[in-house]
Protein backbone atom coordinates (compact mmCIF):
# COMPACT_ATOMS: atom_id res chain seq x y z
CA MET A 1 58.41 115.27 104.67
CA ASN A 2 58.16 115.59 108.37
CA GLU A 3 60.95 115.88 110.93
CA GLU A 4 60.88 112.15 111.72
CA SER A 5 61.55 111.03 108.15
CA ILE A 6 64.33 113.59 107.77
CA GLN A 7 66.00 112.28 110.94
CA LEU A 8 65.75 108.68 109.67
CA GLU A 9 67.46 109.64 106.43
CA LEU A 10 70.35 111.25 108.32
CA ASP A 11 70.93 108.20 110.54
CA ILE A 12 71.88 105.99 107.61
CA GLU A 13 75.62 105.39 107.48
CA ILE A 14 77.25 104.64 104.17
CA GLU A 15 80.10 102.19 104.61
CA GLU A 16 83.17 102.73 102.51
CA PRO A 17 84.47 99.62 100.71
CA THR A 18 87.42 98.00 102.46
CA LYS A 19 90.48 96.06 101.42
CA GLN A 20 92.98 93.86 103.27
CA CYS A 21 96.61 94.95 103.30
CA ARG A 22 99.05 92.31 102.03
CA ASP A 23 101.63 93.24 104.65
CA CYS A 24 99.81 93.87 107.94
CA TYR A 25 96.64 91.91 106.99
CA ARG A 26 94.38 94.60 108.47
CA ARG A 27 91.16 95.53 106.71
CA LYS A 28 91.14 99.24 105.94
CA PRO A 29 88.95 101.55 103.86
CA LEU A 30 90.05 102.01 100.24
CA SER A 31 91.07 105.58 101.08
CA GLY A 32 93.87 104.03 103.20
CA PHE A 33 95.54 102.68 100.04
CA ASN A 34 97.39 104.64 97.37
CA ARG A 35 95.96 104.64 93.86
CA ASP A 36 97.13 102.25 91.16
CA ARG A 37 95.27 102.38 87.85
CA ARG A 38 96.62 98.99 86.81
CA LYS A 39 94.76 97.17 89.60
CA THR A 40 91.13 96.11 89.19
CA ASP A 41 90.06 97.95 92.35
CA GLY A 42 92.27 100.94 91.49
CA ARG A 43 94.36 100.68 94.68
CA GLN A 44 97.77 99.29 95.68
CA ALA A 45 98.08 96.01 97.57
CA TYR A 46 99.74 97.62 100.61
CA CYS A 47 98.14 100.22 102.89
CA ARG A 48 99.81 103.62 103.06
CA PRO A 49 101.75 103.07 106.32
CA CYS A 50 103.03 99.67 105.13
CA ASP A 51 103.89 101.09 101.69
CA ASN A 52 105.84 103.94 103.31
CA GLU A 53 107.75 101.48 105.50
CA ARG A 54 108.54 99.22 102.52
CA SER A 55 109.79 102.22 100.52
CA ARG A 56 111.97 103.36 103.43
CA GLN A 57 113.47 99.87 103.81
CA TYR A 58 114.11 99.59 100.07
CA GLY A 59 115.87 102.97 100.08
CA GLU A 60 118.10 101.88 102.97
CA TRP A 61 118.94 98.60 101.23
CA PHE A 62 119.67 100.36 97.92
CA ARG A 63 121.98 102.88 99.59
CA ARG A 64 123.86 100.04 101.35
CA GLU A 65 124.21 97.97 98.17
CA HIS A 66 124.89 100.73 95.63
CA GLY A 67 126.28 103.62 97.67
CA THR A 68 123.71 106.07 96.31
CA ASP A 69 120.02 106.73 96.66
CA PRO A 70 117.58 105.18 94.13
CA LYS A 71 116.52 108.50 92.59
CA SER A 72 120.10 109.56 91.88
CA ALA A 73 120.84 106.16 90.32
CA TRP A 74 117.68 106.40 88.20
CA ARG A 75 118.60 109.91 87.02
CA ALA A 76 122.15 108.83 86.13
CA ALA A 77 120.85 105.81 84.18
CA ARG A 78 118.33 107.94 82.34
CA LYS A 79 120.96 110.54 81.45
CA ALA A 80 123.30 107.80 80.18
CA ALA A 81 120.50 106.31 78.07
CA GLU A 82 119.64 109.72 76.60
CA GLU A 83 123.31 110.35 75.76
CA ALA A 84 123.54 106.92 74.11
CA VAL A 85 120.51 107.75 71.95
CA VAL A 86 122.01 111.11 70.96
CA MET A 87 125.33 109.44 70.09
CA ARG A 88 123.51 106.82 68.01
CA VAL A 89 121.52 109.47 66.13
CA ASP A 90 124.71 111.47 65.52
CA ARG A 91 126.42 108.35 64.18
CA LEU A 92 123.49 107.59 61.87
CA GLN A 93 123.51 111.15 60.55
CA PHE A 94 127.27 110.93 59.97
CA ASP A 95 126.84 107.63 58.10
CA LEU A 96 124.11 109.16 55.94
CA LEU A 97 126.34 112.15 55.10
CA GLU A 98 129.19 109.82 54.12
CA GLU A 99 126.89 107.79 51.88
CA ALA A 100 125.59 110.95 50.20
CA SER A 101 129.08 112.20 49.32
């Protein structure tokens, strides 16, 4: 290969695939979208800045409506569910012990 052919190879630009954001309707490269394995293209429908803004707005709404942040509410619900499962298992074990005696 001579210098000319090497230079021609370097001038080729590879375009990254793009996607249109559902919120701002701008076309952006796929790297501008967060990953989502459930989607066919592997990316979320909203670009990162729009997704961040939507998350911020949801957090504000949730705090206004429920008086706590979403993560704290999720943790409390999960803890309550785990305690309910433990109580149910304890009750089943107690019932089995009663039946055995």
